Amino acid sequence: VRHYDISDLEPQVACPHNVDNVKPVSEVEGTKVDQI
């Protein structure tokens, strides 16, 4: 059983090339995107 409090969670982004390579959006801001 894992317990979490999400009151301070910030937007998350999974980075290439694995779904568990997750970082807060603040760490990847500014990355240029060609397609959404």
All heavy atoms as atom14 arrays in JSON, in Angstrom:
{
  "sequence": "VRHYDISDLEPQVACPHNVDNVKPVSEVEGTKVDQI",
  "atom14_mask": [
    [1, 1, 1, 1, 1, 1, 1, 0, 0, 0, 0, 0, 0, 0],
    [1, 1, 1, 1, 1, 1, 1, 1, 1, 1, 1, 0, 0, 0],
    [1, 1, 1, 1, 1, 1, 1, 1, 1, 1, 0, 0, 0, 0],
    [1, 1, 1, 1, 1, 1, 1, 1, 1, 1, 1, 1, 0, 0],
    [1, 1, 1, 1, 1, 1, 1, 1, 0, 0, 0, 0, 0, 0],
    [1, 1, 1, 1, 1, 1, 1, 1, 0, 0, 0, 0, 0, 0],
    [1, 1, 1, 1, 1, 1, 0, 0, 0, 0, 0, 0, 0, 0],
    [1, 1, 1, 1, 1, 1, 1, 1, 0, 0, 0, 0, 0, 0],
    [1, 1, 1, 1, 1, 1, 1, 1, 0, 0, 0, 0, 0, 0],
    [1, 1, 1, 1, 1, 1, 1, 1, 1, 0, 0, 0, 0, 0],
    [1, 1, 1, 1, 1, 1, 1, 0, 0, 0, 0, 0, 0, 0],
    [1, 1, 1, 1, 1, 1, 1, 1, 1, 0, 0, 0, 0, 0],
    [1, 1, 1, 1, 1, 1, 1, 0, 0, 0, 0, 0, 0, 0],
    [1, 1, 1, 1, 1, 0, 0, 0, 0, 0, 0, 0, 0, 0],
    [1, 1, 1, 1, 1, 1, 0, 0, 0, 0, 0, 0, 0, 0],
    [1, 1, 1, 1, 1, 1, 1, 0, 0, 0, 0, 0, 0, 0],
    [1, 1, 1, 1, 1, 1, 1, 1, 1, 1, 0, 0, 0, 0],
    [1, 1, 1, 1, 1, 1, 1, 1, 0, 0, 0, 0, 0, 0],
    [1, 1, 1, 1, 1, 1, 1, 0, 0, 0, 0, 0, 0, 0],
    [1, 1, 1, 1, 1, 1, 1, 1, 0, 0, 0, 0, 0, 0],
    [1, 1, 1, 1, 1, 1, 1, 1, 0, 0, 0, 0, 0, 0],
    [1, 1, 1, 1, 1, 1, 1, 0, 0, 0, 0, 0, 0, 0],
    [1, 1, 1, 1, 1, 1, 1, 1, 1, 0, 0, 0, 0, 0],
    [1, 1, 1, 1, 1, 1, 1, 0, 0, 0, 0, 0, 0, 0],
    [1, 1, 1, 1, 1, 1, 1, 0, 0, 0, 0, 0, 0, 0],
    [1, 1, 1, 1, 1, 1, 0, 0, 0, 0, 0, 0, 0, 0],
    [1, 1, 1, 1, 1, 1, 1, 1, 1, 0, 0, 0, 0, 0],
    [1, 1, 1, 1, 1, 1, 1, 0, 0, 0, 0, 0, 0, 0],
    [1, 1, 1, 1, 1, 1, 1, 1, 1, 0, 0, 0, 0, 0],
    [1, 1, 1, 1, 0, 0, 0, 0, 0, 0, 0, 0, 0, 0],
    [1, 1, 1, 1, 1, 1, 1, 0, 0, 0, 0, 0, 0, 0],
    [1, 1, 1, 1, 1, 1, 1, 1, 1, 0, 0, 0, 0, 0],
    [1, 1, 1, 1, 1, 1, 1, 0, 0, 0, 0, 0, 0, 0],
    [1, 1, 1, 1, 1, 1, 1, 1, 0, 0, 0, 0, 0, 0],
    [1, 1, 1, 1, 1, 1, 1, 1, 1, 0, 0, 0, 0, 0],
    [1, 1, 1, 1, 1, 1, 1, 1, 0, 0, 0, 0, 0, 0]
  ],
  "atom14_positions": [
    [[0.86, -1.18, 0.0], [0.0, 0.0, 0.0], [0.9, 1.23, 0.0], [1.76, 1.38, 0.88], [-0.94, 0.04, 1.22], [-1.82, 1.3, 1.15], [-1.81, -1.21, 1.29], [0.0, 0.0, 0.0], [0.0, 0.0, 0.0], [0.0, 0.0, 0.0], [0.0, 0.0, 0.0], [0.0, 0.0, 0.0], [0.0, 0.0, 0.0], [0.0, 0.0, 0.0]],
    [[0.73, 2.08, -0.98], [1.49, 3.34, -1.06], [0.53, 4.49, -0.81], [-0.57, 4.52, -1.35], [2.13, 3.51, -2.44], [3.22, 2.5, -2.78], [4.58, 2.94, -2.3], [5.59, 1.94, -2.65], [6.42, 2.06, -3.7], [6.37, 3.13, -4.47], [7.3, 1.11, -3.94], [0.0, 0.0, 0.0], [0.0, 0.0, 0.0], [0.0, 0.0, 0.0]],
    [[0.97, 5.45, -0.01], [0.15, 6.61, 0.33], [0.69, 7.87, -0.34], [1.92, 8.09, -0.36], [0.12, 6.8, 1.85], [-0.49, 5.63, 2.58], [-1.86, 5.52, 2.78], [0.07, 4.53, 3.14], [-2.1, 4.4, 3.44], [-0.96, 3.78, 3.67], [0.0, 0.0, 0.0], [0.0, 0.0, 0.0], [0.0, 0.0, 0.0], [0.0, 0.0, 0.0]],
    [[-0.21, 8.67, -0.87], [0.18, 9.9, -1.58], [-0.73, 11.04, -1.15], [-1.93, 10.85, -0.95], [0.07, 9.72, -3.1], [0.95, 8.65, -3.68], [0.55, 7.32, -3.68], [2.18, 8.96, -4.24], [1.35, 6.32, -4.22], [2.99, 7.98, -4.79], [2.57, 6.66, -4.77], [3.37, 5.68, -5.3], [0.0, 0.0, 0.0], [0.0, 0.0, 0.0]],
    [[-0.15, 12.23, -1.07], [-0.92, 13.46, -0.91], [-0.62, 14.32, -2.13], [0.53, 14.72, -2.35], [-0.54, 14.2, 0.37], [-1.43, 15.41, 0.65], [-1.97, 15.99, -0.32], [-1.58, 15.78, 1.82], [0.0, 0.0, 0.0], [0.0, 0.0, 0.0], [0.0, 0.0, 0.0], [0.0, 0.0, 0.0], [0.0, 0.0, 0.0], [0.0, 0.0, 0.0]],
    [[-1.65, 14.58, -2.94], [-1.42, 15.24, -4.24], [-1.7, 16.74, -4.2], [-1.76, 17.38, -5.25], [-2.29, 14.58, -5.33], [-3.79, 14.66, -4.95], [-1.86, 13.14, -5.54], [-4.72, 14.19, -6.04], [0.0, 0.0, 0.0], [0.0, 0.0, 0.0], [0.0, 0.0, 0.0], [0.0, 0.0, 0.0], [0.0, 0.0, 0.0], [0.0, 0.0, 0.0]],
    [[-1.82, 17.29, -3.01], [-2.2, 18.7, -2.89], [-1.2, 19.64, -3.56], [-1.58, 20.73, -4.01], [-2.34, 19.07, -1.41], [-3.3, 18.25, -0.78], [0.0, 0.0, 0.0], [0.0, 0.0, 0.0], [0.0, 0.0, 0.0], [0.0, 0.0, 0.0], [0.0, 0.0, 0.0], [0.0, 0.0, 0.0], [0.0, 0.0, 0.0], [0.0, 0.0, 0.0]],
    [[0.07, 19.23, -3.62], [1.1, 20.09, -4.22], [1.65, 19.53, -5.52], [2.71, 19.97, -5.99], [2.25, 20.28, -3.22], [1.81, 21.01, -1.96], [0.99, 21.95, -2.08], [2.26, 20.64, -0.86], [0.0, 0.0, 0.0], [0.0, 0.0, 0.0], [0.0, 0.0, 0.0], [0.0, 0.0, 0.0], [0.0, 0.0, 0.0], [0.0, 0.0, 0.0]],
    [[0.95, 18.57, -6.11], [1.43, 17.97, -7.36], [1.45, 19.0, -8.47], [0.51, 19.77, -8.65], [0.52, 16.81, -7.75], [0.95, 15.98, -8.97], [2.22, 15.19, -8.67], [-0.17, 15.03, -9.39], [0.0, 0.0, 0.0], [0.0, 0.0, 0.0], [0.0, 0.0, 0.0], [0.0, 0.0, 0.0], [0.0, 0.0, 0.0], [0.0, 0.0, 0.0]],
    [[2.52, 19.03, -9.24], [2.58, 19.92, -10.41], [2.4, 19.1, -11.67], [2.48, 17.87, -11.65], [3.89, 20.71, -10.43], [5.14, 19.95, -10.77], [6.34, 20.9, -10.98], [6.49, 21.42, -12.1], [7.11, 21.11, -10.02], [0.0, 0.0, 0.0], [0.0, 0.0, 0.0], [0.0, 0.0, 0.0], [0.0, 0.0, 0.0], [0.0, 0.0, 0.0]],
    [[2.1, 19.74, -12.8], [1.94, 19.0, -14.05], [3.16, 18.12, -14.33], [4.3, 18.52, -14.09], [1.79, 20.11, -15.09], [1.22, 21.26, -14.33], [1.85, 21.19, -12.98], [0.0, 0.0, 0.0], [0.0, 0.0, 0.0], [0.0, 0.0, 0.0], [0.0, 0.0, 0.0], [0.0, 0.0, 0.0], [0.0, 0.0, 0.0], [0.0, 0.0, 0.0]],
    [[2.89, 16.92, -14.84], [3.94, 15.93, -15.09], [4.08, 15.68, -16.59], [3.12, 15.78, -17.35], [3.59, 14.62, -14.39], [3.3, 14.76, -12.89], [4.55, 14.95, -12.07], [5.42, 14.08, -12.0], [4.63, 16.1, -11.4], [0.0, 0.0, 0.0], [0.0, 0.0, 0.0], [0.0, 0.0, 0.0], [0.0, 0.0, 0.0], [0.0, 0.0, 0.0]],
    [[5.29, 15.29, -16.98], [5.57, 14.96, -18.38], [6.42, 13.69, -18.4], [7.43, 13.6, -17.69], [6.32, 16.09, -19.1], [6.69, 15.68, -20.52], [5.48, 17.37, -19.13], [0.0, 0.0, 0.0], [0.0, 0.0, 0.0], [0.0, 0.0, 0.0], [0.0, 0.0, 0.0], [0.0, 0.0, 0.0], [0.0, 0.0, 0.0], [0.0, 0.0, 0.0]],
    [[6.01, 12.7, -19.2], [6.83, 11.51, -19.41], [7.74, 11.77, -20.6], [7.27, 12.11, -21.69], [5.95, 10.29, -19.67], [0.0, 0.0, 0.0], [0.0, 0.0, 0.0], [0.0, 0.0, 0.0], [0.0, 0.0, 0.0], [0.0, 0.0, 0.0], [0.0, 0.0, 0.0], [0.0, 0.0, 0.0], [0.0, 0.0, 0.0], [0.0, 0.0, 0.0]],
    [[9.03, 11.64, -20.39], [10.03, 11.99, -21.4], [10.47, 10.75, -22.18], [10.36, 9.63, -21.69], [11.23, 12.66, -20.74], [10.79, 14.13, -19.77], [0.0, 0.0, 0.0], [0.0, 0.0, 0.0], [0.0, 0.0, 0.0], [0.0, 0.0, 0.0], [0.0, 0.0, 0.0], [0.0, 0.0, 0.0], [0.0, 0.0, 0.0], [0.0, 0.0, 0.0]],
    [[11.0, 10.94, -23.39], [11.46, 9.8, -24.2], [12.51, 8.98, -23.43], [13.29, 9.55, -22.67], [12.08, 10.47, -25.43], [11.48, 11.85, -25.46], [11.25, 12.22, -24.04], [0.0, 0.0, 0.0], [0.0, 0.0, 0.0], [0.0, 0.0, 0.0], [0.0, 0.0, 0.0], [0.0, 0.0, 0.0], [0.0, 0.0, 0.0], [0.0, 0.0, 0.0]],
    [[12.5, 7.68, -23.65], [11.6, 6.88, -24.49], [10.83, 5.87, -23.63], [10.46, 4.79, -24.1], [12.39, 6.11, -25.56], [13.05, 6.97, -26.59], [12.34, 7.54, -27.63], [14.34, 7.36, -26.74], [13.17, 8.22, -28.4], [14.38, 8.13, -27.89], [0.0, 0.0, 0.0], [0.0, 0.0, 0.0], [0.0, 0.0, 0.0], [0.0, 0.0, 0.0]],
    [[10.58, 6.21, -22.36], [9.86, 5.31, -21.47], [8.81, 6.07, -20.67], [9.04, 7.22, -20.27], [10.81, 4.6, -20.52], [11.68, 3.57, -21.23], [11.19, 2.61, -21.8], [12.99, 3.79, -21.2], [0.0, 0.0, 0.0], [0.0, 0.0, 0.0], [0.0, 0.0, 0.0], [0.0, 0.0, 0.0], [0.0, 0.0, 0.0], [0.0, 0.0, 0.0]],
    [[7.69, 5.4, -20.4], [6.59, 6.06, -19.71], [6.95, 6.38, -18.27], [6.38, 7.31, -17.67], [5.3, 5.2, -19.78], [4.12, 5.93, -19.18], [5.0, 4.84, -21.23], [0.0, 0.0, 0.0], [0.0, 0.0, 0.0], [0.0, 0.0, 0.0], [0.0, 0.0, 0.0], [0.0, 0.0, 0.0], [0.0, 0.0, 0.0], [0.0, 0.0, 0.0]],
    [[7.88, 5.64, -17.68], [8.25, 5.93, -16.29], [9.37, 6.96, -16.16], [9.82, 7.27, -15.05], [8.63, 4.65, -15.53], [9.83, 3.92, -16.13], [10.26, 4.29, -17.25], [10.32, 2.97, -15.49], [0.0, 0.0, 0.0], [0.0, 0.0, 0.0], [0.0, 0.0, 0.0], [0.0, 0.0, 0.0], [0.0, 0.0, 0.0], [0.0, 0.0, 0.0]],
    [[9.8, 7.52, -17.3], [10.79, 8.6, -17.29], [10.05, 9.93, -17.1], [9.96, 10.77, -17.99], [11.59, 8.6, -18.59], [12.71, 9.64, -18.59], [13.11, 10.14, -17.54], [13.21, 9.95, -19.77], [0.0, 0.0, 0.0], [0.0, 0.0, 0.0], [0.0, 0.0, 0.0], [0.0, 0.0, 0.0], [0.0, 0.0, 0.0], [0.0, 0.0, 0.0]],
    [[9.48, 10.08, -15.9], [8.56, 11.19, -15.62], [9.26, 12.32, -14.87], [9.99, 12.08, -13.91], [7.35, 10.68, -14.8], [6.4, 11.83, -14.46], [6.6, 9.6, -15.58], [0.0, 0.0, 0.0], [0.0, 0.0, 0.0], [0.0, 0.0, 0.0], [0.0, 0.0, 0.0], [0.0, 0.0, 0.0], [0.0, 0.0, 0.0], [0.0, 0.0, 0.0]],
    [[9.0, 13.54, -15.33], [9.58, 14.72, -14.7], [8.51, 15.8, -14.53], [7.56, 15.87, -15.32], [10.72, 15.28, -15.56], [11.89, 14.3, -15.75], [12.95, 14.89, -16.65], [14.08, 13.88, -16.86], [15.13, 14.42, -17.78], [0.0, 0.0, 0.0], [0.0, 0.0, 0.0], [0.0, 0.0, 0.0], [0.0, 0.0, 0.0], [0.0, 0.0, 0.0]],
    [[8.65, 16.65, -13.53], [7.75, 17.81, -13.44], [7.92, 18.68, -14.69], [9.02, 18.76, -15.26], [8.24, 18.53, -12.18], [9.03, 17.52, -11.43], [9.64, 16.61, -12.44], [0.0, 0.0, 0.0], [0.0, 0.0, 0.0], [0.0, 0.0, 0.0], [0.0, 0.0, 0.0], [0.0, 0.0, 0.0], [0.0, 0.0, 0.0], [0.0, 0.0, 0.0]],
    [[6.84, 19.32, -15.1], [6.89, 20.13, -16.32], [7.96, 21.21, -16.24], [8.56, 21.6, -17.25], [5.5, 20.74, -16.63], [5.12, 21.79, -15.59], [5.45, 21.31, -18.03], [0.0, 0.0, 0.0], [0.0, 0.0, 0.0], [0.0, 0.0, 0.0], [0.0, 0.0, 0.0], [0.0, 0.0, 0.0], [0.0, 0.0, 0.0], [0.0, 0.0, 0.0]],
    [[8.26, 21.68, -15.02], [9.26, 22.74, -14.85], [10.65, 22.31, -15.32], [11.48, 23.16, -15.67], [9.32, 23.18, -13.39], [9.6, 22.07, -12.55], [0.0, 0.0, 0.0], [0.0, 0.0, 0.0], [0.0, 0.0, 0.0], [0.0, 0.0, 0.0], [0.0, 0.0, 0.0], [0.0, 0.0, 0.0], [0.0, 0.0, 0.0], [0.0, 0.0, 0.0]],
    [[10.9, 20.98, -15.35], [12.22, 20.49, -15.76], [12.36, 20.32, -17.26], [13.47, 20.13, -17.77], [12.53, 19.17, -15.05], [12.67, 19.29, -13.54], [13.11, 18.0, -12.88], [13.66, 17.12, -13.6], [12.91, 17.86, -11.66], [0.0, 0.0, 0.0], [0.0, 0.0, 0.0], [0.0, 0.0, 0.0], [0.0, 0.0, 0.0], [0.0, 0.0, 0.0]],
    [[11.25, 20.37, -18.0], [11.31, 20.19, -19.45], [10.71, 21.37, -20.21], [10.59, 21.34, -21.44], [10.61, 18.88, -19.88], [11.39, 17.67, -19.39], [9.18, 18.83, -19.37], [0.0, 0.0, 0.0], [0.0, 0.0, 0.0], [0.0, 0.0, 0.0], [0.0, 0.0, 0.0], [0.0, 0.0, 0.0], [0.0, 0.0, 0.0], [0.0, 0.0, 0.0]],
    [[10.32, 22.41, -19.5], [9.78, 23.6, -20.15], [10.76, 24.14, -21.21], [11.97, 24.11, -21.01], [9.55, 24.71, -19.11], [8.23, 24.64, -18.4], [8.0, 25.87, -17.55], [8.72, 26.04, -16.54], [7.12, 26.67, -17.9], [0.0, 0.0, 0.0], [0.0, 0.0, 0.0], [0.0, 0.0, 0.0], [0.0, 0.0, 0.0], [0.0, 0.0, 0.0]],
    [[10.17, 24.6, -22.31], [10.99, 25.18, -23.36], [11.42, 24.2, -24.43], [12.02, 24.61, -25.44], [0.0, 0.0, 0.0], [0.0, 0.0, 0.0], [0.0, 0.0, 0.0], [0.0, 0.0, 0.0], [0.0, 0.0, 0.0], [0.0, 0.0, 0.0], [0.0, 0.0, 0.0], [0.0, 0.0, 0.0], [0.0, 0.0, 0.0], [0.0, 0.0, 0.0]],
    [[11.12, 22.91, -24.26], [11.46, 21.92, -25.28], [10.6, 22.17, -26.52], [9.37, 22.16, -26.44], [11.22, 20.49, -24.76], [11.99, 20.28, -23.58], [11.59, 19.46, -25.81], [0.0, 0.0, 0.0], [0.0, 0.0, 0.0], [0.0, 0.0, 0.0], [0.0, 0.0, 0.0], [0.0, 0.0, 0.0], [0.0, 0.0, 0.0], [0.0, 0.0, 0.0]],
    [[11.24, 22.41, -27.66], [10.51, 22.69, -28.9], [9.73, 21.47, -29.34], [10.2, 20.33, -29.25], [11.48, 23.11, -30.0], [10.79, 23.54, -31.3], [11.8, 23.89, -32.37], [11.1, 24.28, -33.68], [10.25, 23.18, -34.23], [0.0, 0.0, 0.0], [0.0, 0.0, 0.0], [0.0, 0.0, 0.0], [0.0, 0.0, 0.0], [0.0, 0.0, 0.0]],
    [[8.51, 21.71, -29.82], [7.61, 20.63, -30.24], [7.19, 20.85, -31.69], [6.87, 21.98, -32.1], [6.36, 20.59, -29.33], [5.37, 19.55, -29.83], [6.75, 20.31, -27.89], [0.0, 0.0, 0.0], [0.0, 0.0, 0.0], [0.0, 0.0, 0.0], [0.0, 0.0, 0.0], [0.0, 0.0, 0.0], [0.0, 0.0, 0.0], [0.0, 0.0, 0.0]],
    [[7.2, 19.77, -32.48], [6.77, 19.85, -33.88], [5.3, 19.49, -34.04], [4.62, 20.0, -34.94], [7.61, 18.89, -34.74], [9.08, 19.28, -34.76], [9.41, 20.33, -35.35], [9.89, 18.54, -34.16], [0.0, 0.0, 0.0], [0.0, 0.0, 0.0], [0.0, 0.0, 0.0], [0.0, 0.0, 0.0], [0.0, 0.0, 0.0], [0.0, 0.0, 0.0]],
    [[4.81, 18.59, -33.17], [3.43, 18.14, -33.3], [2.85, 17.83, -31.93], [3.53, 17.3, -31.06], [3.38, 16.87, -34.17], [1.99, 16.24, -34.28], [1.97, 15.07, -35.24], [2.13, 15.25, -36.45], [1.78, 13.87, -34.72], [0.0, 0.0, 0.0], [0.0, 0.0, 0.0], [0.0, 0.0, 0.0], [0.0, 0.0, 0.0], [0.0, 0.0, 0.0]],
    [[1.57, 18.16, -31.76], [0.83, 17.78, -30.56], [-0.32, 16.88, -30.99], [-1.08, 17.22, -31.9], [0.29, 19.01, -29.81], [1.46, 19.84, -29.24], [-0.65, 18.59, -28.69], [1.03, 21.13, -28.57], [0.0, 0.0, 0.0], [0.0, 0.0, 0.0], [0.0, 0.0, 0.0], [0.0, 0.0, 0.0], [0.0, 0.0, 0.0], [0.0, 0.0, 0.0]]
  ]
}
